Structures are given as C-alpha cells and as structure tokens.
Amino acid sequence: MRELEFLPPEYLRARYQRRVSFIRSWLLLAMGLAMVLWSLQIGAWVREAQAELAALHGTDTAVNADVVKVRLLRAEADTYKRRIELLQALRPQATTTELLAAVSDLLPDGVVVEEMSVDRGSKALPDQTTVRLSGVAPTETIVTQALAALELSPAFNRVVLVESKPAAQASGHGTVAAQAVASGDRAFVLEIVAAVAKATRE
C-alpha cells in the first residue's frame, strides 16, 4: 500500500535540492583533497628524480677526476721511461774485457774455457754484441748449470747452447778437448748475446 505524502511539493523539491547540494559539496571536497594528495605525490617524485640526477652528476664528476689522474700518471710514467732509455743510451757499452770477465765469473767450477770470441755486431744488427764460447765440462749437468747461470744474468739478453757432445768427438779442435778424451768430458759451444742499451726513438 502506497504511503501518502502530506508535505507540500515545494518542500519536497527544496529537500531534494539540499540533498543534491550536500552530495555535490562532499564530492567537490573529496576531489579537491585527492588533487592535493596527488600534487604532493608528484612533488615527492620530482624531488626524488632531482636527487638522483644530482647523485649521477656527482658520480660523473668523480669519474672525470679519476680519468684525469690516470692520464697524468701515464704521462709521468712515459716521461720517466724516456729518461731511463736516454740514460741507458748514454751509458757506454761494456768492453770486451768486461764481457769476458762477466762470462768467466758465472761459469761453474770444473768448466774449462778453450776459446772465446766477441762479435760487435753486423750491418743487420749493429747494436748487438755476441760472445761465442767453446769449452769443456766434466758432465752434461755442468753444461746445463753454466747455461742456466748465464741466462739468469742481467748482463745477457739471450744464451743459446749451440752444441754439446762428448769431448772425444771434439778432440781435434783444441788442446783442452784433446786432453779430456779419456775422462768422458763434454765439449760444448755457447752463443751469448750481451744486453746493450738501445737509443730512444721519439
């Protein structure tokens, strides 16, 4: 059964309008509050982005500073290297007597030097000094020890064992080898390249 309304129509319309206005006011208030919150969030995001950009800029500055330091250190190292090469180039070459003495001092006990020659270089390798040494050692082990001692010396760039054979096979090449035939000694030949300073090339 339908309820009867005893209120005048004007009052009903006014009450309806008040309700609509009330709802609109709350909607506008909610929208305004949402816009304020959204603006605050946007501001926070902007500040975070600016902070990240500032941090990246600071990192880039630090990296650039490190790069500059590395370049300066490399330039300084190149300068010192050129100075060392220049000093080595100005240092006189070792004399033949000094080379022979250096080789003799490094040979183990029991090694007898039969012949030694010094070649001061050729047209192809004018700066290379080569010492050729022939001698006799009691055993092959002593020959190996002599080779190792010469290789470890900073005075020489390269040491090559040209040959090593029983002294009986070399008896006709020298008086020392001839005397060593009966003892089973080893006749050997070494080729030694001396360390020679090279001129600096700019």
N, C-alpha and C. Protein backbone atom coordinates (compact mmCIF):
# COMPACT_ATOMS: atom_id res chain seq x y z
N MET A 1 0.86 -1.18 0.00
CA MET A 1 0.00 0.00 0.00
C MET A 1 0.89 1.22 0.00
N ARG A 2 0.64 2.13 -0.88
CA ARG A 2 1.46 3.32 -1.05
C ARG A 2 1.23 4.28 0.09
N GLU A 3 2.45 4.81 0.59
CA GLU A 3 2.39 5.77 1.71
C GLU A 3 2.01 7.14 1.17
N LEU A 4 1.16 7.77 1.87
CA LEU A 4 0.70 9.09 1.45
C LEU A 4 1.64 10.16 1.96
N GLU A 5 1.92 11.13 1.09
CA GLU A 5 2.76 12.26 1.45
C GLU A 5 1.86 13.46 1.74
N PHE A 6 2.05 14.00 2.96
CA PHE A 6 1.26 15.18 3.34
C PHE A 6 2.06 16.46 3.26
N LEU A 7 3.39 16.35 2.81
CA LEU A 7 4.22 17.55 2.71
C LEU A 7 3.98 18.23 1.36
N PRO A 8 4.08 19.54 1.39
CA PRO A 8 3.85 20.26 0.12
C PRO A 8 4.95 19.95 -0.90
N PRO A 9 4.63 20.00 -2.14
CA PRO A 9 5.62 19.71 -3.19
C PRO A 9 6.82 20.64 -3.14
N GLU A 10 6.62 21.90 -2.77
CA GLU A 10 7.73 22.84 -2.71
C GLU A 10 8.75 22.39 -1.68
N TYR A 11 8.25 21.89 -0.56
CA TYR A 11 9.17 21.44 0.50
C TYR A 11 9.95 20.23 0.04
N LEU A 12 9.24 19.33 -0.67
CA LEU A 12 9.94 18.15 -1.16
C LEU A 12 11.03 18.51 -2.15
N ARG A 13 10.73 19.45 -3.05
CA ARG A 13 11.76 19.87 -4.01
C ARG A 13 12.94 20.53 -3.31
N ALA A 14 12.65 21.34 -2.30
CA ALA A 14 13.73 22.01 -1.57
C ALA A 14 14.60 20.99 -0.84
N ARG A 15 13.92 19.98 -0.24
CA ARG A 15 14.69 18.96 0.46
C ARG A 15 15.56 18.18 -0.53
N TYR A 16 15.05 17.91 -1.69
CA TYR A 16 15.82 17.20 -2.72
C TYR A 16 17.04 18.02 -3.16
N GLN A 17 16.80 19.33 -3.34
CA GLN A 17 17.89 20.20 -3.75
C GLN A 17 18.97 20.26 -2.67
N ARG A 18 18.55 20.28 -1.39
CA ARG A 18 19.54 20.33 -0.31
C ARG A 18 20.38 19.05 -0.30
N ARG A 19 19.72 17.92 -0.52
CA ARG A 19 20.47 16.66 -0.56
C ARG A 19 21.47 16.63 -1.72
N VAL A 20 21.02 17.10 -2.88
CA VAL A 20 21.90 17.14 -4.05
C VAL A 20 23.08 18.06 -3.79
N SER A 21 22.81 19.23 -3.18
CA SER A 21 23.88 20.18 -2.88
C SER A 21 24.87 19.59 -1.87
N PHE A 22 24.30 18.86 -0.89
CA PHE A 22 25.16 18.25 0.12
C PHE A 22 26.11 17.21 -0.53
N ILE A 23 25.52 16.39 -1.40
CA ILE A 23 26.33 15.37 -2.08
C ILE A 23 27.39 16.01 -2.96
N ARG A 24 27.00 17.10 -3.68
CA ARG A 24 27.96 17.80 -4.54
C ARG A 24 29.11 18.38 -3.72
N SER A 25 28.75 18.92 -2.55
CA SER A 25 29.80 19.52 -1.71
C SER A 25 30.82 18.48 -1.27
N TRP A 26 30.29 17.31 -0.86
CA TRP A 26 31.21 16.25 -0.45
C TRP A 26 32.06 15.73 -1.62
N LEU A 27 31.43 15.63 -2.79
CA LEU A 27 32.20 15.19 -3.97
C LEU A 27 33.30 16.18 -4.32
N LEU A 28 32.95 17.48 -4.29
CA LEU A 28 33.96 18.50 -4.59
C LEU A 28 35.08 18.48 -3.56
N LEU A 29 34.70 18.28 -2.27
CA LEU A 29 35.71 18.23 -1.23
C LEU A 29 36.63 17.02 -1.42
N ALA A 30 36.03 15.88 -1.77
CA ALA A 30 36.84 14.68 -2.00
C ALA A 30 37.77 14.86 -3.20
N MET A 31 37.23 15.46 -4.28
CA MET A 31 38.07 15.70 -5.46
C MET A 31 39.20 16.67 -5.15
N GLY A 32 38.88 17.72 -4.38
CA GLY A 32 39.93 18.68 -4.02
C GLY A 32 41.01 18.04 -3.17
N LEU A 33 40.56 17.20 -2.19
CA LEU A 33 41.53 16.51 -1.35
C LEU A 33 42.40 15.55 -2.18
N ALA A 34 41.76 14.85 -3.14
CA ALA A 34 42.52 13.94 -3.99
C ALA A 34 43.54 14.70 -4.84
N MET A 35 43.16 15.87 -5.33
CA MET A 35 44.09 16.67 -6.13
C MET A 35 45.26 17.15 -5.28
N VAL A 36 44.97 17.52 -4.03
CA VAL A 36 46.06 17.97 -3.15
C VAL A 36 47.04 16.83 -2.89
N LEU A 37 46.49 15.64 -2.58
CA LEU A 37 47.35 14.48 -2.34
C LEU A 37 48.15 14.11 -3.59
N TRP A 38 47.50 14.17 -4.74
CA TRP A 38 48.21 13.88 -5.99
C TRP A 38 49.34 14.87 -6.25
N SER A 39 49.08 16.15 -5.96
CA SER A 39 50.12 17.17 -6.13
C SER A 39 51.30 16.90 -5.20
N LEU A 40 51.00 16.51 -3.95
CA LEU A 40 52.08 16.20 -3.02
C LEU A 40 52.91 15.00 -3.49
N GLN A 41 52.23 13.99 -4.04
CA GLN A 41 52.94 12.82 -4.54
C GLN A 41 53.81 13.18 -5.73
N ILE A 42 53.28 13.98 -6.64
CA ILE A 42 54.06 14.43 -7.80
C ILE A 42 55.29 15.20 -7.33
N GLY A 43 55.11 16.07 -6.34
CA GLY A 43 56.25 16.82 -5.81
C GLY A 43 57.32 15.91 -5.22
N ALA A 44 56.87 14.85 -4.52
CA ALA A 44 57.83 13.91 -3.95
C ALA A 44 58.60 13.20 -5.06
N TRP A 45 57.90 12.78 -6.12
CA TRP A 45 58.57 12.12 -7.24
C TRP A 45 59.58 13.05 -7.91
N VAL A 46 59.21 14.30 -8.07
CA VAL A 46 60.11 15.26 -8.69
C VAL A 46 61.37 15.44 -7.85
N ARG A 47 61.17 15.54 -6.52
CA ARG A 47 62.34 15.72 -5.65
C ARG A 47 63.26 14.49 -5.70
N GLU A 48 62.66 13.30 -5.74
CA GLU A 48 63.48 12.09 -5.85
C GLU A 48 64.27 12.07 -7.16
N ALA A 49 63.60 12.45 -8.25
CA ALA A 49 64.29 12.47 -9.54
C ALA A 49 65.43 13.48 -9.54
N GLN A 50 65.20 14.64 -8.94
CA GLN A 50 66.26 15.65 -8.86
C GLN A 50 67.43 15.16 -8.02
N ALA A 51 67.12 14.45 -6.93
CA ALA A 51 68.19 13.91 -6.08
C ALA A 51 69.02 12.88 -6.85
N GLU A 52 68.34 12.01 -7.64
CA GLU A 52 69.06 11.01 -8.42
C GLU A 52 69.94 11.68 -9.48
N LEU A 53 69.40 12.72 -10.11
CA LEU A 53 70.20 13.43 -11.11
C LEU A 53 71.42 14.08 -10.47
N ALA A 54 71.24 14.66 -9.29
CA ALA A 54 72.37 15.28 -8.59
C ALA A 54 73.42 14.24 -8.23
N ALA A 55 72.95 13.05 -7.78
CA ALA A 55 73.89 11.99 -7.44
C ALA A 55 74.66 11.52 -8.67
N LEU A 56 73.94 11.36 -9.79
CA LEU A 56 74.61 10.96 -11.02
C LEU A 56 75.61 12.00 -11.48
N HIS A 57 75.26 13.25 -11.33
CA HIS A 57 76.18 14.31 -11.71
C HIS A 57 77.44 14.27 -10.85
N GLY A 58 77.27 14.03 -9.56
CA GLY A 58 78.42 13.93 -8.68
C GLY A 58 79.31 12.75 -9.03
N THR A 59 78.69 11.61 -9.38
CA THR A 59 79.47 10.44 -9.79
C THR A 59 80.23 10.71 -11.07
N ASP A 60 79.58 11.37 -12.01
CA ASP A 60 80.25 11.70 -13.27
C ASP A 60 81.44 12.60 -13.02
N THR A 61 81.30 13.55 -12.11
CA THR A 61 82.42 14.45 -11.78
C THR A 61 83.57 13.67 -11.18
N ALA A 62 83.26 12.72 -10.28
CA ALA A 62 84.31 11.92 -9.66
C ALA A 62 85.03 11.05 -10.69
N VAL A 63 84.25 10.46 -11.62
CA VAL A 63 84.86 9.63 -12.67
C VAL A 63 85.78 10.46 -13.55
N ASN A 64 85.34 11.65 -13.91
CA ASN A 64 86.17 12.52 -14.73
C ASN A 64 87.47 12.86 -14.02
N ALA A 65 87.39 13.11 -12.71
CA ALA A 65 88.60 13.42 -11.94
C ALA A 65 89.56 12.23 -11.93
N ASP A 66 89.01 11.01 -11.79
CA ASP A 66 89.86 9.81 -11.81
C ASP A 66 90.51 9.62 -13.18
N VAL A 67 89.76 9.89 -14.22
CA VAL A 67 90.31 9.76 -15.58
C VAL A 67 91.47 10.73 -15.78
N VAL A 68 91.31 11.94 -15.29
CA VAL A 68 92.38 12.94 -15.41
C VAL A 68 93.62 12.47 -14.65
N LYS A 69 93.43 11.92 -13.44
CA LYS A 69 94.56 11.43 -12.66
C LYS A 69 95.29 10.30 -13.38
N VAL A 70 94.52 9.37 -13.96
CA VAL A 70 95.14 8.25 -14.68
C VAL A 70 95.95 8.77 -15.86
N ARG A 71 95.40 9.74 -16.58
CA ARG A 71 96.14 10.29 -17.73
C ARG A 71 97.42 10.98 -17.28
N LEU A 72 97.37 11.70 -16.17
CA LEU A 72 98.57 12.36 -15.66
C LEU A 72 99.62 11.34 -15.24
N LEU A 73 99.17 10.26 -14.58
CA LEU A 73 100.11 9.23 -14.16
C LEU A 73 100.76 8.53 -15.36
N ARG A 74 99.95 8.29 -16.41
CA ARG A 74 100.50 7.66 -17.61
C ARG A 74 101.53 8.58 -18.27
N ALA A 75 101.22 9.86 -18.34
CA ALA A 75 102.17 10.81 -18.93
C ALA A 75 103.45 10.87 -18.13
N GLU A 76 103.33 10.85 -16.80
CA GLU A 76 104.52 10.88 -15.95
C GLU A 76 105.34 9.61 -16.12
N ALA A 77 104.65 8.45 -16.21
CA ALA A 77 105.36 7.18 -16.40
C ALA A 77 106.10 7.17 -17.75
N ASP A 78 105.46 7.70 -18.80
CA ASP A 78 106.12 7.77 -20.10
C ASP A 78 107.35 8.67 -20.05
N THR A 79 107.24 9.76 -19.29
CA THR A 79 108.38 10.67 -19.15
C THR A 79 109.56 9.98 -18.49
N TYR A 80 109.29 9.27 -17.39
CA TYR A 80 110.36 8.55 -16.69
C TYR A 80 110.95 7.44 -17.57
N LYS A 81 110.07 6.79 -18.35
CA LYS A 81 110.56 5.73 -19.23
C LYS A 81 111.53 6.29 -20.28
N ARG A 82 111.16 7.45 -20.85
CA ARG A 82 112.05 8.08 -21.83
C ARG A 82 113.37 8.49 -21.21
N ARG A 83 113.31 8.97 -19.96
CA ARG A 83 114.55 9.36 -19.27
C ARG A 83 115.46 8.16 -19.03
N ILE A 84 114.85 7.04 -18.61
CA ILE A 84 115.63 5.83 -18.37
C ILE A 84 116.26 5.34 -19.66
N GLU A 85 115.48 5.35 -20.76
CA GLU A 85 116.02 4.92 -22.05
C GLU A 85 117.16 5.83 -22.50
N LEU A 86 117.01 7.13 -22.23
CA LEU A 86 118.07 8.06 -22.60
C LEU A 86 119.34 7.80 -21.80
N LEU A 87 119.19 7.55 -20.50
CA LEU A 87 120.35 7.24 -19.67
C LEU A 87 121.02 5.95 -20.11
N GLN A 88 120.20 4.95 -20.48
CA GLN A 88 120.78 3.70 -20.96
C GLN A 88 121.51 3.89 -22.28
N ALA A 89 120.96 4.77 -23.12
CA ALA A 89 121.61 5.03 -24.40
C ALA A 89 122.94 5.75 -24.21
N LEU A 90 123.01 6.61 -23.20
CA LEU A 90 124.25 7.35 -22.94
C LEU A 90 125.29 6.50 -22.24
N ARG A 91 124.87 5.39 -21.60
CA ARG A 91 125.81 4.53 -20.90
C ARG A 91 126.70 3.82 -21.91
N PRO A 92 128.00 3.84 -21.73
CA PRO A 92 128.88 3.20 -22.70
C PRO A 92 128.71 1.69 -22.70
N GLN A 93 128.99 1.08 -23.86
CA GLN A 93 128.91 -0.36 -23.97
C GLN A 93 130.03 -1.02 -23.18
N ALA A 94 129.74 -2.24 -22.72
CA ALA A 94 130.76 -2.98 -21.98
C ALA A 94 131.92 -3.33 -22.91
N THR A 95 133.13 -3.24 -22.38
CA THR A 95 134.30 -3.58 -23.18
C THR A 95 134.41 -5.10 -23.31
N THR A 96 135.28 -5.52 -24.23
CA THR A 96 135.48 -6.95 -24.43
C THR A 96 136.00 -7.61 -23.16
N THR A 97 136.89 -6.94 -22.47
CA THR A 97 137.43 -7.48 -21.22
C THR A 97 136.34 -7.67 -20.18
N GLU A 98 135.45 -6.69 -20.08
CA GLU A 98 134.35 -6.78 -19.11
C GLU A 98 133.40 -7.93 -19.46
N LEU A 99 133.11 -8.13 -20.74
CA LEU A 99 132.24 -9.22 -21.15
C LEU A 99 132.87 -10.58 -20.83
N LEU A 100 134.15 -10.71 -21.15
CA LEU A 100 134.83 -11.98 -20.89
C LEU A 100 134.89 -12.26 -19.39
N ALA A 101 135.11 -11.21 -18.61
CA ALA A 101 135.16 -11.39 -17.15
C ALA A 101 133.79 -11.79 -16.61
N ALA A 102 132.73 -11.15 -17.16
CA ALA A 102 131.37 -11.47 -16.70
C ALA A 102 131.02 -12.92 -17.00
N VAL A 103 131.41 -13.41 -18.19
CA VAL A 103 131.12 -14.80 -18.55
C VAL A 103 131.92 -15.75 -17.67
N SER A 104 133.18 -15.47 -17.48
CA SER A 104 134.04 -16.36 -16.69
C SER A 104 133.58 -16.46 -15.25
N ASP A 105 133.11 -15.34 -14.68
CA ASP A 105 132.67 -15.35 -13.28
C ASP A 105 131.43 -16.21 -13.07
N LEU A 106 130.60 -16.38 -14.12
CA LEU A 106 129.34 -17.11 -13.98
C LEU A 106 129.48 -18.61 -14.27
N LEU A 107 130.61 -19.04 -14.81
CA LEU A 107 130.78 -20.44 -15.16
C LEU A 107 131.01 -21.27 -13.90
N PRO A 108 130.37 -22.44 -13.79
CA PRO A 108 130.57 -23.29 -12.62
C PRO A 108 131.99 -23.85 -12.55
N ASP A 109 132.34 -24.35 -11.37
CA ASP A 109 133.65 -24.98 -11.20
C ASP A 109 133.75 -26.23 -12.08
N GLY A 110 134.91 -26.44 -12.63
CA GLY A 110 135.13 -27.60 -13.48
C GLY A 110 135.01 -27.30 -14.96
N VAL A 111 134.46 -26.12 -15.30
CA VAL A 111 134.34 -25.74 -16.71
C VAL A 111 135.65 -25.11 -17.16
N VAL A 112 136.17 -25.60 -18.26
CA VAL A 112 137.41 -25.07 -18.84
C VAL A 112 137.07 -24.40 -20.16
N VAL A 113 137.40 -23.10 -20.25
CA VAL A 113 137.15 -22.35 -21.48
C VAL A 113 138.32 -22.56 -22.42
N GLU A 114 138.01 -23.05 -23.62
CA GLU A 114 139.05 -23.31 -24.62
C GLU A 114 139.18 -22.13 -25.58
N GLU A 115 138.04 -21.54 -25.93
CA GLU A 115 138.08 -20.43 -26.90
C GLU A 115 136.90 -19.52 -26.64
N MET A 116 137.13 -18.21 -26.78
CA MET A 116 136.06 -17.24 -26.60
C MET A 116 136.29 -16.09 -27.56
N SER A 117 135.23 -15.71 -28.27
CA SER A 117 135.33 -14.60 -29.22
C SER A 117 134.17 -13.64 -29.03
N VAL A 118 134.39 -12.38 -29.39
CA VAL A 118 133.37 -11.34 -29.24
C VAL A 118 133.13 -10.71 -30.60
N ASP A 119 131.85 -10.69 -31.00
CA ASP A 119 131.44 -10.07 -32.26
C ASP A 119 130.63 -8.82 -31.92
N ARG A 120 131.10 -7.68 -32.34
CA ARG A 120 130.46 -6.41 -32.00
C ARG A 120 129.28 -6.05 -32.88
N GLY A 121 128.81 -6.96 -33.70
CA GLY A 121 127.61 -6.69 -34.49
C GLY A 121 127.88 -6.74 -35.97
N SER A 122 126.77 -6.61 -36.72
CA SER A 122 126.85 -6.65 -38.17
C SER A 122 126.04 -5.49 -38.73
N LYS A 123 125.94 -5.44 -40.05
CA LYS A 123 125.16 -4.38 -40.68
C LYS A 123 123.67 -4.52 -40.33
N ALA A 124 123.23 -5.78 -40.25
CA ALA A 124 121.82 -6.01 -39.94
C ALA A 124 121.51 -5.69 -38.48
N LEU A 125 122.44 -6.04 -37.58
CA LEU A 125 122.24 -5.80 -36.14
C LEU A 125 123.47 -5.10 -35.59
N PRO A 126 123.60 -3.80 -35.84
CA PRO A 126 124.82 -3.09 -35.42
C PRO A 126 124.94 -2.94 -33.91
N ASP A 127 123.82 -2.98 -33.17
CA ASP A 127 123.87 -2.79 -31.72
C ASP A 127 124.03 -4.09 -30.95
N GLN A 128 124.08 -5.21 -31.63
CA GLN A 128 124.11 -6.50 -30.93
C GLN A 128 125.55 -6.97 -30.77
N THR A 129 125.88 -7.34 -29.55
CA THR A 129 127.20 -7.90 -29.23
C THR A 129 127.03 -9.36 -28.86
N THR A 130 127.75 -10.23 -29.56
CA THR A 130 127.62 -11.67 -29.36
C THR A 130 128.94 -12.25 -28.90
N VAL A 131 128.86 -13.06 -27.86
CA VAL A 131 130.04 -13.78 -27.35
C VAL A 131 129.87 -15.25 -27.69
N ARG A 132 130.88 -15.82 -28.34
CA ARG A 132 130.84 -17.25 -28.66
C ARG A 132 131.90 -17.95 -27.83
N LEU A 133 131.46 -18.94 -27.06
CA LEU A 133 132.33 -19.59 -26.07
C LEU A 133 132.39 -21.08 -26.35
N SER A 134 133.61 -21.60 -26.43
CA SER A 134 133.82 -23.05 -26.58
C SER A 134 134.61 -23.54 -25.38
N GLY A 135 134.20 -24.69 -24.85
CA GLY A 135 134.89 -25.20 -23.69
C GLY A 135 134.56 -26.64 -23.41
N VAL A 136 135.02 -27.10 -22.23
CA VAL A 136 134.82 -28.49 -21.82
C VAL A 136 134.30 -28.49 -20.39
N ALA A 137 133.31 -29.35 -20.13
CA ALA A 137 132.75 -29.50 -18.79
C ALA A 137 132.81 -30.97 -18.40
N PRO A 138 132.90 -31.27 -17.09
CA PRO A 138 133.00 -32.68 -16.66
C PRO A 138 131.78 -33.51 -17.05
N THR A 139 130.58 -32.91 -16.97
CA THR A 139 129.35 -33.65 -17.26
C THR A 139 128.36 -32.75 -18.01
N GLU A 140 127.32 -33.39 -18.53
CA GLU A 140 126.26 -32.62 -19.19
C GLU A 140 125.52 -31.74 -18.18
N THR A 141 125.44 -32.20 -16.94
CA THR A 141 124.79 -31.41 -15.90
C THR A 141 125.52 -30.10 -15.67
N ILE A 142 126.84 -30.12 -15.69
CA ILE A 142 127.62 -28.89 -15.52
C ILE A 142 127.38 -27.94 -16.69
N VAL A 143 127.24 -28.49 -17.89
CA VAL A 143 126.93 -27.65 -19.05
C VAL A 143 125.58 -26.96 -18.85
N THR A 144 124.60 -27.72 -18.37
CA THR A 144 123.26 -27.15 -18.12
C THR A 144 123.33 -26.07 -17.05
N GLN A 145 124.13 -26.30 -16.01
CA GLN A 145 124.28 -25.29 -14.95
C GLN A 145 124.92 -24.01 -15.48
N ALA A 146 125.89 -24.16 -16.34
CA ALA A 146 126.53 -22.98 -16.94
C ALA A 146 125.53 -22.20 -17.79
N LEU A 147 124.73 -22.93 -18.57
CA LEU A 147 123.72 -22.28 -19.40
C LEU A 147 122.71 -21.52 -18.54
N ALA A 148 122.25 -22.15 -17.44
CA ALA A 148 121.26 -21.51 -16.57
C ALA A 148 121.84 -20.29 -15.88
N ALA A 149 123.10 -20.35 -15.43
CA ALA A 149 123.72 -19.21 -14.75
C ALA A 149 123.85 -18.01 -15.68
N LEU A 150 124.20 -18.27 -16.92
CA LEU A 150 124.33 -17.18 -17.89
C LEU A 150 122.95 -16.60 -18.25
N GLU A 151 121.93 -17.45 -18.33
CA GLU A 151 120.59 -16.96 -18.67
C GLU A 151 120.02 -16.07 -17.58
N LEU A 152 120.37 -16.34 -16.32
CA LEU A 152 119.85 -15.55 -15.20
C LEU A 152 120.56 -14.22 -15.04
N SER A 153 121.68 -14.03 -15.71
CA SER A 153 122.43 -12.80 -15.55
C SER A 153 121.77 -11.66 -16.33
N PRO A 154 121.59 -10.48 -15.71
CA PRO A 154 121.02 -9.33 -16.44
C PRO A 154 121.97 -8.76 -17.49
N ALA A 155 123.22 -9.24 -17.48
CA ALA A 155 124.19 -8.72 -18.44
C ALA A 155 123.97 -9.29 -19.84
N PHE A 156 123.12 -10.34 -19.95
CA PHE A 156 122.94 -11.01 -21.24
C PHE A 156 121.46 -11.12 -21.57
N ASN A 157 121.15 -10.90 -22.85
CA ASN A 157 119.76 -10.98 -23.31
C ASN A 157 119.36 -12.40 -23.69
N ARG A 158 120.28 -13.14 -24.25
CA ARG A 158 119.95 -14.49 -24.74
C ARG A 158 121.19 -15.36 -24.68
N VAL A 159 120.99 -16.61 -24.27
CA VAL A 159 122.08 -17.59 -24.23
C VAL A 159 121.58 -18.84 -24.95
N VAL A 160 122.35 -19.31 -25.93
CA VAL A 160 121.94 -20.46 -26.73
C VAL A 160 123.04 -21.52 -26.66
N LEU A 161 122.64 -22.75 -26.37
CA LEU A 161 123.57 -23.88 -26.42
C LEU A 161 123.64 -24.36 -27.86
N VAL A 162 124.73 -24.03 -28.53
CA VAL A 162 124.88 -24.39 -29.95
C VAL A 162 125.09 -25.89 -30.10
N GLU A 163 125.96 -26.45 -29.28
CA GLU A 163 126.19 -27.89 -29.34
C GLU A 163 126.79 -28.37 -28.03
N SER A 164 126.57 -29.65 -27.74
CA SER A 164 127.18 -30.31 -26.59
C SER A 164 127.36 -31.78 -26.96
N LYS A 165 128.61 -32.23 -26.95
CA LYS A 165 128.90 -33.61 -27.38
C LYS A 165 130.10 -34.12 -26.60
N PRO A 166 130.31 -35.43 -26.63
CA PRO A 166 131.48 -35.98 -25.93
C PRO A 166 132.77 -35.34 -26.42
N ALA A 167 133.66 -35.11 -25.51
CA ALA A 167 134.91 -34.44 -25.88
C ALA A 167 135.72 -35.26 -26.86
N ALA A 168 135.48 -36.55 -26.92
CA ALA A 168 136.21 -37.40 -27.87
C ALA A 168 135.94 -36.98 -29.30
N GLN A 169 134.69 -36.48 -29.56
CA GLN A 169 134.35 -36.06 -30.92
C GLN A 169 134.93 -34.70 -31.26
N ALA A 170 135.39 -33.97 -30.26
CA ALA A 170 135.96 -32.64 -30.48
C ALA A 170 137.44 -32.62 -30.19
N SER A 171 138.09 -33.79 -30.15
CA SER A 171 139.49 -33.84 -29.75
C SER A 171 140.41 -33.14 -30.73
N GLY A 172 139.97 -33.03 -31.97
CA GLY A 172 140.83 -32.39 -32.94
C GLY A 172 140.68 -30.89 -33.01
N HIS A 173 139.80 -30.32 -32.17
CA HIS A 173 139.52 -28.88 -32.30
C HIS A 173 140.28 -28.04 -31.29
N GLY A 174 140.94 -28.64 -30.30
CA GLY A 174 141.64 -27.82 -29.33
C GLY A 174 142.43 -28.68 -28.37
N THR A 175 143.41 -28.07 -27.72
CA THR A 175 144.30 -28.83 -26.83
C THR A 175 143.58 -29.31 -25.59
N VAL A 176 142.67 -28.47 -25.02
CA VAL A 176 141.96 -28.86 -23.80
C VAL A 176 141.04 -30.03 -24.08
N ALA A 177 140.31 -29.97 -25.20
CA ALA A 177 139.41 -31.07 -25.56
C ALA A 177 140.20 -32.35 -25.80
N ALA A 178 141.38 -32.24 -26.40
CA ALA A 178 142.19 -33.43 -26.66
C ALA A 178 142.63 -34.10 -25.37
N GLN A 179 142.92 -33.32 -24.34
CA GLN A 179 143.34 -33.87 -23.06
C GLN A 179 142.18 -34.51 -22.30
N ALA A 180 140.89 -34.15 -22.69
CA ALA A 180 139.73 -34.62 -21.95
C ALA A 180 139.09 -35.85 -22.55
N VAL A 181 139.71 -36.44 -23.58
CA VAL A 181 139.09 -37.56 -24.27
C VAL A 181 138.89 -38.75 -23.33
N ALA A 182 139.90 -39.06 -22.56
CA ALA A 182 139.85 -40.25 -21.72
C ALA A 182 138.93 -40.11 -20.53
N SER A 183 138.60 -38.88 -20.13
CA SER A 183 137.82 -38.67 -18.91
C SER A 183 136.32 -38.64 -19.15
N GLY A 184 135.87 -38.67 -20.38
CA GLY A 184 134.44 -38.65 -20.68
C GLY A 184 133.82 -37.28 -20.54
N ASP A 185 134.60 -36.22 -20.66
CA ASP A 185 134.07 -34.86 -20.53
C ASP A 185 133.20 -34.50 -21.73
N ARG A 186 132.45 -33.38 -21.56
CA ARG A 186 131.57 -32.87 -22.62
C ARG A 186 132.16 -31.60 -23.22
N ALA A 187 132.27 -31.56 -24.53
CA ALA A 187 132.67 -30.34 -25.24
C ALA A 187 131.40 -29.59 -25.64
N PHE A 188 131.40 -28.29 -25.41
CA PHE A 188 130.19 -27.52 -25.68
C PHE A 188 130.55 -26.18 -26.33
N VAL A 189 129.55 -25.61 -26.97
CA VAL A 189 129.67 -24.29 -27.58
C VAL A 189 128.44 -23.49 -27.17
N LEU A 190 128.65 -22.30 -26.62
CA LEU A 190 127.56 -21.39 -26.22
C LEU A 190 127.64 -20.11 -27.03
N GLU A 191 126.49 -19.60 -27.39
CA GLU A 191 126.40 -18.29 -28.05
C GLU A 191 125.62 -17.37 -27.14
N ILE A 192 126.23 -16.26 -26.74
CA ILE A 192 125.68 -15.36 -25.73
C ILE A 192 125.51 -13.98 -26.34
N VAL A 193 124.30 -13.44 -26.24
CA VAL A 193 124.02 -12.09 -26.74
C VAL A 193 124.00 -11.15 -25.54
N ALA A 194 124.91 -10.17 -25.55
CA ALA A 194 125.01 -9.24 -24.42
C ALA A 194 123.88 -8.24 -24.45
N ALA A 195 123.51 -7.77 -23.25
CA ALA A 195 122.47 -6.73 -23.13
C ALA A 195 123.09 -5.39 -23.47
N VAL A 196 122.61 -4.76 -24.53
CA VAL A 196 123.15 -3.48 -24.99
C VAL A 196 122.05 -2.46 -24.97
N ALA A 197 122.33 -1.27 -24.45
CA ALA A 197 121.33 -0.20 -24.39
C ALA A 197 120.95 0.24 -25.79
N LYS A 198 119.66 0.50 -25.99
CA LYS A 198 119.15 0.95 -27.29
C LYS A 198 118.80 2.43 -27.20
N ALA A 199 119.11 3.15 -28.24
CA ALA A 199 118.80 4.58 -28.25
C ALA A 199 117.32 4.80 -28.27
N THR A 200 116.89 5.88 -27.62
CA THR A 200 115.47 6.21 -27.59
C THR A 200 115.03 6.81 -28.90
N ARG A 201 113.90 6.35 -29.41
CA ARG A 201 113.37 6.84 -30.68
C ARG A 201 112.10 7.59 -30.43
N GLU A 202 112.09 8.83 -30.69
CA GLU A 202 110.88 9.68 -30.48
C GLU A 202 109.98 9.52 -31.67
